[in-house]
Amino acid sequence: MRENVPAYDPSDRLAYGNMKARLRMLLTYYYANKRSSMVIGTSNKTELYLGYYTKYGDGGVDIMPLADLYKHQIRALGRHLGVPSCITEKPASARLWIGQNTEKDLGLPYDSLDLIVYAYLEGWTPSKIAAETGVDQPSVEKIITRIIANEHKRLPPAILRLS
């Protein structure tokens, strides 16, 4: 792909990462089709609301069984089911480039992100979220801005109504 994409820029990690995620989706659907299967997504509620996935990439799935659980709930479920801690406590990464780390990309640990997303969805103000979570208000506002900006990823494509 790198050799066949005009103006390919290996230094643009976001564009490269999104292309890689979309190629993964293409291959995943290829094998699902060959096996008459469905593609299962791994996004959790925090990632879903923050838009931390590639539209038509790792977000392109048939079912998302974990998408209504926050990251801390998924880790707790894994521990309850006896999943080894090397998996349940493994730092999250989309693995789109070497050294990628979800918490570093998002700017906060999941414990804080989960609380901010939860509180925002419950209708709390940014100042109340900051006061209750201990996260500074500019960081809270940045996360809320991200939730709003990525709403398009959680909705079906817009249709230009001509009739």
N, C-alpha and C. Protein backbone atom coordinates (compact mmCIF):
# COMPACT_ATOMS: atom_id res chain seq x y z
N MET A 1 0.83 -1.20 0.00
CA MET A 1 0.00 0.00 0.00
C MET A 1 0.87 1.25 0.00
N ARG A 2 1.93 1.24 0.78
CA ARG A 2 2.78 2.43 0.87
C ARG A 2 3.29 2.85 -0.50
N GLU A 3 3.62 1.87 -1.33
CA GLU A 3 4.18 2.17 -2.64
C GLU A 3 3.11 2.59 -3.65
N ASN A 4 1.84 2.31 -3.35
CA ASN A 4 0.77 2.59 -4.30
C ASN A 4 -0.15 3.74 -3.91
N VAL A 5 0.13 4.37 -2.79
CA VAL A 5 -0.69 5.50 -2.36
C VAL A 5 0.03 6.79 -2.72
N PRO A 6 -0.55 7.59 -3.62
CA PRO A 6 0.10 8.86 -3.98
C PRO A 6 0.26 9.75 -2.74
N ALA A 7 1.36 10.44 -2.69
CA ALA A 7 1.66 11.37 -1.60
C ALA A 7 1.70 10.69 -0.24
N TYR A 8 2.00 9.39 -0.21
CA TYR A 8 2.10 8.69 1.07
C TYR A 8 3.18 9.36 1.92
N ASP A 9 2.82 9.64 3.17
CA ASP A 9 3.74 10.32 4.08
C ASP A 9 3.88 9.47 5.35
N PRO A 10 4.99 8.72 5.48
CA PRO A 10 5.15 7.85 6.64
C PRO A 10 5.24 8.61 7.96
N SER A 11 5.50 9.90 7.93
CA SER A 11 5.58 10.66 9.17
C SER A 11 4.19 11.05 9.70
N ASP A 12 3.15 10.92 8.88
CA ASP A 12 1.78 11.23 9.31
C ASP A 12 1.20 9.98 9.97
N ARG A 13 1.50 9.83 11.27
CA ARG A 13 1.11 8.60 11.98
C ARG A 13 -0.39 8.39 12.02
N LEU A 14 -1.16 9.45 12.14
CA LEU A 14 -2.61 9.30 12.21
C LEU A 14 -3.17 8.77 10.89
N ALA A 15 -2.77 9.36 9.78
CA ALA A 15 -3.27 8.89 8.48
C ALA A 15 -2.80 7.45 8.22
N TYR A 16 -1.53 7.16 8.54
CA TYR A 16 -1.01 5.81 8.38
C TYR A 16 -1.75 4.82 9.29
N GLY A 17 -1.95 5.21 10.54
CA GLY A 17 -2.65 4.34 11.48
C GLY A 17 -4.07 4.05 11.04
N ASN A 18 -4.78 5.08 10.57
CA ASN A 18 -6.15 4.88 10.08
C ASN A 18 -6.17 3.97 8.86
N MET A 19 -5.19 4.13 7.97
CA MET A 19 -5.12 3.25 6.80
C MET A 19 -4.89 1.80 7.27
N LYS A 20 -4.01 1.63 8.23
CA LYS A 20 -3.71 0.29 8.74
C LYS A 20 -4.95 -0.34 9.39
N ALA A 21 -5.70 0.46 10.17
CA ALA A 21 -6.92 -0.05 10.80
C ALA A 21 -7.95 -0.44 9.75
N ARG A 22 -8.05 0.33 8.67
CA ARG A 22 -9.01 0.01 7.61
C ARG A 22 -8.59 -1.23 6.83
N LEU A 23 -7.29 -1.43 6.67
CA LEU A 23 -6.82 -2.65 6.02
C LEU A 23 -7.08 -3.87 6.90
N ARG A 24 -6.92 -3.71 8.21
CA ARG A 24 -7.26 -4.80 9.15
C ARG A 24 -8.73 -5.17 9.00
N MET A 25 -9.60 -4.13 8.92
CA MET A 25 -11.03 -4.37 8.79
C MET A 25 -11.32 -5.13 7.51
N LEU A 26 -10.68 -4.73 6.42
CA LEU A 26 -10.87 -5.40 5.14
C LEU A 26 -10.53 -6.89 5.25
N LEU A 27 -9.40 -7.18 5.87
CA LEU A 27 -8.98 -8.58 6.02
C LEU A 27 -9.89 -9.34 6.98
N THR A 28 -10.29 -8.69 8.06
CA THR A 28 -11.18 -9.34 9.02
C THR A 28 -12.50 -9.71 8.37
N TYR A 29 -13.06 -8.80 7.58
CA TYR A 29 -14.31 -9.10 6.88
C TYR A 29 -14.12 -10.14 5.79
N TYR A 30 -12.97 -10.16 5.18
CA TYR A 30 -12.70 -11.19 4.18
C TYR A 30 -12.81 -12.57 4.82
N TYR A 31 -12.14 -12.75 5.95
CA TYR A 31 -12.17 -14.06 6.62
C TYR A 31 -13.53 -14.37 7.23
N ALA A 32 -14.21 -13.36 7.75
CA ALA A 32 -15.56 -13.58 8.27
C ALA A 32 -16.49 -14.02 7.15
N ASN A 33 -16.36 -13.41 6.00
CA ASN A 33 -17.18 -13.78 4.85
C ASN A 33 -16.90 -15.20 4.42
N LYS A 34 -15.63 -15.57 4.36
CA LYS A 34 -15.26 -16.93 3.95
C LYS A 34 -15.80 -17.97 4.92
N ARG A 35 -15.96 -17.59 6.18
CA ARG A 35 -16.39 -18.53 7.22
C ARG A 35 -17.85 -18.33 7.62
N SER A 36 -18.57 -17.51 6.88
CA SER A 36 -19.97 -17.18 7.21
C SER A 36 -20.08 -16.75 8.67
N SER A 37 -19.21 -15.84 9.07
CA SER A 37 -19.14 -15.39 10.45
C SER A 37 -19.40 -13.89 10.55
N MET A 38 -19.37 -13.41 11.78
CA MET A 38 -19.53 -11.97 12.04
C MET A 38 -18.22 -11.43 12.59
N VAL A 39 -18.03 -10.14 12.41
CA VAL A 39 -16.85 -9.46 12.96
C VAL A 39 -17.26 -8.85 14.31
N ILE A 40 -16.51 -9.20 15.35
CA ILE A 40 -16.79 -8.74 16.70
C ILE A 40 -15.83 -7.62 17.06
N GLY A 41 -16.36 -6.51 17.55
CA GLY A 41 -15.54 -5.37 17.94
C GLY A 41 -15.09 -5.46 19.39
N THR A 42 -14.04 -4.73 19.70
CA THR A 42 -13.47 -4.77 21.06
C THR A 42 -13.56 -3.43 21.77
N SER A 43 -14.22 -2.44 21.19
CA SER A 43 -14.29 -1.12 21.82
C SER A 43 -15.06 -1.18 23.12
N ASN A 44 -14.58 -0.41 24.09
CA ASN A 44 -15.32 -0.24 25.34
C ASN A 44 -16.06 1.10 25.28
N LYS A 45 -16.87 1.39 26.28
CA LYS A 45 -17.73 2.58 26.25
C LYS A 45 -16.90 3.87 26.20
N THR A 46 -15.80 3.90 26.91
CA THR A 46 -14.96 5.09 26.93
C THR A 46 -14.38 5.35 25.55
N GLU A 47 -13.81 4.33 24.93
CA GLU A 47 -13.25 4.48 23.58
C GLU A 47 -14.34 4.85 22.58
N LEU A 48 -15.50 4.25 22.72
CA LEU A 48 -16.61 4.53 21.80
C LEU A 48 -17.00 6.00 21.86
N TYR A 49 -17.17 6.53 23.06
CA TYR A 49 -17.59 7.93 23.18
C TYR A 49 -16.48 8.91 22.84
N LEU A 50 -15.24 8.54 23.10
CA LEU A 50 -14.12 9.44 22.77
C LEU A 50 -13.74 9.34 21.29
N GLY A 51 -14.34 8.40 20.58
CA GLY A 51 -14.01 8.23 19.17
C GLY A 51 -12.63 7.66 18.97
N TYR A 52 -12.15 6.91 19.97
CA TYR A 52 -10.80 6.34 19.89
C TYR A 52 -10.85 5.02 19.11
N TYR A 53 -11.16 5.16 17.85
CA TYR A 53 -11.18 4.04 16.91
C TYR A 53 -11.26 4.66 15.52
N THR A 54 -11.01 3.88 14.52
CA THR A 54 -11.04 4.37 13.16
C THR A 54 -12.40 4.08 12.53
N LYS A 55 -13.05 5.13 12.06
CA LYS A 55 -14.32 4.96 11.36
C LYS A 55 -14.07 4.11 10.12
N TYR A 56 -14.86 3.09 9.94
CA TYR A 56 -14.71 2.10 8.86
C TYR A 56 -13.39 1.34 8.96
N GLY A 57 -12.83 1.32 10.15
CA GLY A 57 -11.64 0.53 10.44
C GLY A 57 -12.00 -0.41 11.58
N ASP A 58 -11.35 -0.25 12.74
CA ASP A 58 -11.68 -1.10 13.87
C ASP A 58 -13.07 -0.80 14.42
N GLY A 59 -13.68 0.30 13.99
CA GLY A 59 -15.07 0.59 14.36
C GLY A 59 -16.06 -0.07 13.42
N GLY A 60 -15.59 -0.64 12.33
CA GLY A 60 -16.45 -1.30 11.36
C GLY A 60 -16.64 -2.76 11.74
N VAL A 61 -17.66 -3.03 12.53
CA VAL A 61 -17.90 -4.39 13.04
C VAL A 61 -19.38 -4.71 12.97
N ASP A 62 -19.71 -5.96 13.20
CA ASP A 62 -21.12 -6.38 13.20
C ASP A 62 -21.74 -6.31 14.59
N ILE A 63 -20.93 -6.50 15.61
CA ILE A 63 -21.44 -6.51 16.98
C ILE A 63 -20.33 -6.02 17.91
N MET A 64 -20.74 -5.25 18.94
CA MET A 64 -19.80 -4.72 19.93
C MET A 64 -20.24 -5.16 21.33
N PRO A 65 -19.87 -6.35 21.75
CA PRO A 65 -20.36 -6.85 23.02
C PRO A 65 -19.82 -6.12 24.25
N LEU A 66 -18.74 -5.37 24.11
CA LEU A 66 -18.14 -4.69 25.26
C LEU A 66 -18.41 -3.19 25.28
N ALA A 67 -19.10 -2.67 24.29
CA ALA A 67 -19.23 -1.23 24.10
C ALA A 67 -20.12 -0.52 25.12
N ASP A 68 -20.81 -1.24 25.97
CA ASP A 68 -21.59 -0.60 27.03
C ASP A 68 -20.92 -0.78 28.39
N LEU A 69 -19.66 -1.22 28.37
CA LEU A 69 -18.88 -1.37 29.60
C LEU A 69 -17.68 -0.44 29.55
N TYR A 70 -17.41 0.21 30.67
CA TYR A 70 -16.22 1.05 30.78
C TYR A 70 -15.00 0.15 30.91
N LYS A 71 -13.83 0.71 30.62
CA LYS A 71 -12.58 -0.07 30.67
C LYS A 71 -12.39 -0.72 32.03
N HIS A 72 -12.66 0.00 33.12
CA HIS A 72 -12.45 -0.60 34.45
C HIS A 72 -13.41 -1.77 34.68
N GLN A 73 -14.60 -1.72 34.09
CA GLN A 73 -15.55 -2.83 34.22
C GLN A 73 -15.07 -4.05 33.44
N ILE A 74 -14.49 -3.82 32.27
CA ILE A 74 -13.98 -4.93 31.47
C ILE A 74 -12.81 -5.60 32.18
N ARG A 75 -11.93 -4.80 32.76
CA ARG A 75 -10.81 -5.37 33.52
C ARG A 75 -11.32 -6.17 34.71
N ALA A 76 -12.32 -5.64 35.43
CA ALA A 76 -12.89 -6.36 36.57
C ALA A 76 -13.55 -7.66 36.11
N LEU A 77 -14.26 -7.62 35.01
CA LEU A 77 -14.88 -8.83 34.46
C LEU A 77 -13.82 -9.86 34.11
N GLY A 78 -12.75 -9.41 33.48
CA GLY A 78 -11.66 -10.31 33.15
C GLY A 78 -11.06 -10.97 34.38
N ARG A 79 -10.83 -10.18 35.43
CA ARG A 79 -10.29 -10.75 36.68
C ARG A 79 -11.27 -11.76 37.26
N HIS A 80 -12.57 -11.43 37.24
CA HIS A 80 -13.61 -12.33 37.76
C HIS A 80 -13.63 -13.66 36.99
N LEU A 81 -13.39 -13.59 35.69
CA LEU A 81 -13.40 -14.79 34.86
C LEU A 81 -12.07 -15.55 34.90
N GLY A 82 -11.09 -15.01 35.62
CA GLY A 82 -9.82 -15.70 35.74
C GLY A 82 -8.84 -15.42 34.61
N VAL A 83 -9.07 -14.35 33.87
CA VAL A 83 -8.14 -13.97 32.80
C VAL A 83 -6.83 -13.53 33.47
N PRO A 84 -5.70 -14.01 32.99
CA PRO A 84 -4.43 -13.66 33.62
C PRO A 84 -4.20 -12.14 33.67
N SER A 85 -3.57 -11.68 34.74
CA SER A 85 -3.34 -10.25 34.92
C SER A 85 -2.46 -9.65 33.82
N CYS A 86 -1.62 -10.47 33.18
CA CYS A 86 -0.80 -9.95 32.08
C CYS A 86 -1.69 -9.47 30.93
N ILE A 87 -2.93 -9.93 30.90
CA ILE A 87 -3.89 -9.48 29.89
C ILE A 87 -4.78 -8.38 30.45
N THR A 88 -5.36 -8.60 31.64
CA THR A 88 -6.30 -7.62 32.19
C THR A 88 -5.63 -6.29 32.55
N GLU A 89 -4.35 -6.31 32.88
CA GLU A 89 -3.65 -5.09 33.28
C GLU A 89 -2.72 -4.56 32.19
N LYS A 90 -2.73 -5.20 31.04
CA LYS A 90 -1.87 -4.80 29.93
C LYS A 90 -2.23 -3.38 29.48
N PRO A 91 -1.25 -2.51 29.30
CA PRO A 91 -1.58 -1.17 28.80
C PRO A 91 -2.27 -1.25 27.44
N ALA A 92 -3.34 -0.49 27.30
CA ALA A 92 -4.11 -0.51 26.06
C ALA A 92 -3.35 0.16 24.92
N SER A 93 -3.48 -0.42 23.74
CA SER A 93 -2.86 0.15 22.54
C SER A 93 -3.57 -0.40 21.31
N ALA A 94 -3.78 0.49 20.34
CA ALA A 94 -4.34 0.06 19.05
C ALA A 94 -3.27 -0.61 18.20
N ARG A 95 -2.02 -0.48 18.61
CA ARG A 95 -0.87 -1.07 17.91
C ARG A 95 -0.81 -0.67 16.44
N LEU A 96 -1.06 0.61 16.20
CA LEU A 96 -0.98 1.12 14.84
C LEU A 96 0.42 1.62 14.51
N TRP A 97 1.22 1.88 15.54
CA TRP A 97 2.63 2.21 15.37
C TRP A 97 3.37 1.76 16.62
N ILE A 98 4.66 1.61 16.50
CA ILE A 98 5.48 1.12 17.61
C ILE A 98 5.40 2.10 18.77
N GLY A 99 5.15 1.56 19.95
CA GLY A 99 5.10 2.36 21.17
C GLY A 99 3.80 3.08 21.42
N GLN A 100 2.79 2.84 20.60
CA GLN A 100 1.51 3.52 20.80
C GLN A 100 0.89 3.08 22.12
N ASN A 101 0.33 4.04 22.85
CA ASN A 101 -0.29 3.77 24.14
C ASN A 101 -1.56 4.61 24.23
N THR A 102 -2.69 3.95 24.45
CA THR A 102 -3.99 4.63 24.45
C THR A 102 -4.06 5.75 25.47
N GLU A 103 -3.64 5.48 26.70
CA GLU A 103 -3.73 6.51 27.73
C GLU A 103 -2.85 7.71 27.39
N LYS A 104 -1.69 7.46 26.79
CA LYS A 104 -0.82 8.56 26.37
C LYS A 104 -1.50 9.35 25.25
N ASP A 105 -2.11 8.64 24.30
CA ASP A 105 -2.81 9.30 23.19
C ASP A 105 -3.96 10.17 23.70
N LEU A 106 -4.69 9.68 24.70
CA LEU A 106 -5.86 10.39 25.19
C LEU A 106 -5.52 11.42 26.28
N GLY A 107 -4.33 11.32 26.86
CA GLY A 107 -3.88 12.32 27.82
C GLY A 107 -4.23 12.07 29.26
N LEU A 108 -4.95 11.00 29.54
CA LEU A 108 -5.34 10.68 30.92
C LEU A 108 -5.42 9.17 31.08
N PRO A 109 -5.28 8.68 32.32
CA PRO A 109 -5.47 7.24 32.55
C PRO A 109 -6.95 6.86 32.42
N TYR A 110 -7.19 5.59 32.11
CA TYR A 110 -8.57 5.12 31.94
C TYR A 110 -9.42 5.37 33.18
N ASP A 111 -8.84 5.27 34.38
CA ASP A 111 -9.63 5.51 35.59
C ASP A 111 -10.28 6.88 35.53
N SER A 112 -9.54 7.90 35.09
CA SER A 112 -10.08 9.25 34.97
C SER A 112 -11.01 9.37 33.77
N LEU A 113 -10.60 8.80 32.64
CA LEU A 113 -11.42 8.87 31.43
C LEU A 113 -12.79 8.25 31.66
N ASP A 114 -12.81 7.07 32.28
CA ASP A 114 -14.09 6.40 32.56
C ASP A 114 -15.01 7.31 33.38
N LEU A 115 -14.46 7.94 34.43
CA LEU A 115 -15.26 8.81 35.28
C LEU A 115 -15.78 10.03 34.53
N ILE A 116 -14.93 10.63 33.71
CA ILE A 116 -15.35 11.82 32.95
C ILE A 116 -16.47 11.46 31.97
N VAL A 117 -16.29 10.37 31.23
CA VAL A 117 -17.32 9.97 30.27
C VAL A 117 -18.63 9.66 31.00
N TYR A 118 -18.54 8.90 32.09
CA TYR A 118 -19.73 8.56 32.87
C TYR A 118 -20.45 9.83 33.34
N ALA A 119 -19.70 10.73 33.96
CA ALA A 119 -20.30 11.94 34.52
C ALA A 119 -20.91 12.82 33.42
N TYR A 120 -20.21 12.92 32.29
CA TYR A 120 -20.74 13.72 31.17
C TYR A 120 -22.06 13.11 30.67
N LEU A 121 -22.10 11.80 30.52
CA LEU A 121 -23.32 11.15 30.04
C LEU A 121 -24.46 11.27 31.05
N GLU A 122 -24.11 11.49 32.32
CA GLU A 122 -25.12 11.69 33.36
C GLU A 122 -25.57 13.15 33.43
N GLY A 123 -24.95 14.01 32.61
CA GLY A 123 -25.38 15.40 32.55
C GLY A 123 -24.65 16.36 33.47
N TRP A 124 -23.54 15.93 34.05
CA TRP A 124 -22.79 16.81 34.93
C TRP A 124 -22.11 17.92 34.14
N THR A 125 -21.90 19.05 34.78
CA THR A 125 -21.18 20.16 34.16
C THR A 125 -19.67 19.87 34.23
N PRO A 126 -18.90 20.50 33.36
CA PRO A 126 -17.45 20.32 33.42
C PRO A 126 -16.85 20.69 34.78
N SER A 127 -17.37 21.76 35.40
CA SER A 127 -16.82 22.16 36.71
C SER A 127 -17.13 21.11 37.78
N LYS A 128 -18.33 20.54 37.74
CA LYS A 128 -18.67 19.50 38.72
C LYS A 128 -17.83 18.25 38.47
N ILE A 129 -17.65 17.89 37.21
CA ILE A 129 -16.82 16.71 36.88
C ILE A 129 -15.41 16.92 37.41
N ALA A 130 -14.85 18.10 37.17
CA ALA A 130 -13.49 18.39 37.64
C ALA A 130 -13.42 18.31 39.16
N ALA A 131 -14.39 18.91 39.83
CA ALA A 131 -14.38 18.91 41.30
C ALA A 131 -14.51 17.50 41.88
N GLU A 132 -15.35 16.68 41.28
CA GLU A 132 -15.61 15.34 41.80
C GLU A 132 -14.53 14.32 41.44
N THR A 133 -13.87 14.52 40.30
CA THR A 133 -12.87 13.54 39.85
C THR A 133 -11.45 13.92 40.20
N GLY A 134 -11.22 15.21 40.49
CA GLY A 134 -9.87 15.66 40.75
C GLY A 134 -9.07 15.93 39.48
N VAL A 135 -9.71 15.82 38.33
CA VAL A 135 -9.05 16.12 37.06
C VAL A 135 -9.26 17.61 36.79
N ASP A 136 -8.21 18.30 36.35
CA ASP A 136 -8.33 19.74 36.12
C ASP A 136 -9.39 20.02 35.04
N GLN A 137 -10.06 21.17 35.20
CA GLN A 137 -11.18 21.49 34.32
C GLN A 137 -10.78 21.59 32.85
N PRO A 138 -9.62 22.15 32.48
CA PRO A 138 -9.26 22.16 31.05
C PRO A 138 -9.16 20.75 30.46
N SER A 139 -8.65 19.79 31.22
CA SER A 139 -8.57 18.41 30.73
C SER A 139 -9.97 17.81 30.57
N VAL A 140 -10.85 18.10 31.53
CA VAL A 140 -12.23 17.63 31.44
C VAL A 140 -12.89 18.21 30.19
N GLU A 141 -12.71 19.50 29.99
CA GLU A 141 -13.33 20.16 28.83
C GLU A 141 -12.76 19.60 27.51
N LYS A 142 -11.49 19.27 27.50
CA LYS A 142 -10.88 18.68 26.30
C LYS A 142 -11.52 17.33 25.99
N ILE A 143 -11.78 16.53 27.01
CA ILE A 143 -12.41 15.22 26.82
C ILE A 143 -13.86 15.40 26.34
N ILE A 144 -14.58 16.34 26.93
CA ILE A 144 -15.97 16.59 26.51
C ILE A 144 -16.01 17.09 25.07
N THR A 145 -15.09 17.95 24.70
CA THR A 145 -15.00 18.42 23.31
C THR A 145 -14.77 17.25 22.37
N ARG A 146 -13.94 16.32 22.80
CA ARG A 146 -13.66 15.14 21.98
C ARG A 146 -14.91 14.28 21.82
N ILE A 147 -15.68 14.10 22.88
CA ILE A 147 -16.92 13.32 22.82
C ILE A 147 -17.88 13.94 21.79
N ILE A 148 -18.03 15.25 21.88
CA ILE A 148 -18.95 15.95 20.97
C ILE A 148 -18.44 15.88 19.53
N ALA A 149 -17.14 16.11 19.34
CA ALA A 149 -16.57 16.12 17.99
C ALA A 149 -16.64 14.76 17.31
N ASN A 150 -16.68 13.69 18.08
CA ASN A 150 -16.69 12.34 17.50
C ASN A 150 -18.06 11.70 17.45
N GLU A 151 -19.10 12.48 17.71
CA GLU A 151 -20.46 11.93 17.65
C GLU A 151 -20.75 11.32 16.28
N HIS A 152 -20.21 11.91 15.21
CA HIS A 152 -20.46 11.40 13.86
C HIS A 152 -20.03 9.94 13.71
N LYS A 153 -19.07 9.50 14.50
CA LYS A 153 -18.61 8.11 14.41
C LYS A 153 -19.64 7.14 14.99
N ARG A 154 -20.47 7.64 15.90
CA ARG A 154 -21.46 6.78 16.57
C ARG A 154 -22.81 6.77 15.86
N LEU A 155 -22.93 7.55 14.79
CA LEU A 155 -24.20 7.66 14.07
C LEU A 155 -24.07 7.08 12.67
N PRO A 156 -25.19 6.65 12.08
CA PRO A 156 -25.15 6.23 10.69
C PRO A 156 -24.74 7.41 9.82
N PRO A 157 -24.23 7.17 8.63
CA PRO A 157 -23.85 8.28 7.76
C PRO A 157 -25.04 9.20 7.48
N ALA A 158 -24.76 10.49 7.40
CA ALA A 158 -25.80 11.46 7.08
C ALA A 158 -26.28 11.24 5.65
N ILE A 159 -27.54 11.41 5.43
CA ILE A 159 -28.13 11.24 4.11
C ILE A 159 -28.65 12.58 3.64
N LEU A 160 -28.25 12.96 2.44
CA LEU A 160 -28.77 14.19 1.83
C LEU A 160 -30.16 13.86 1.31
N ARG A 161 -31.18 14.38 1.96
CA ARG A 161 -32.57 14.11 1.58
C ARG A 161 -32.96 14.97 0.40
N LEU A 162 -33.28 14.36 -0.72
CA LEU A 162 -33.67 15.07 -1.93
C LEU A 162 -35.17 14.96 -2.20
N SER A 163 -35.86 14.18 -1.40
CA SER A 163 -37.30 14.03 -1.64
C SER A 163 -38.09 14.47 -0.43
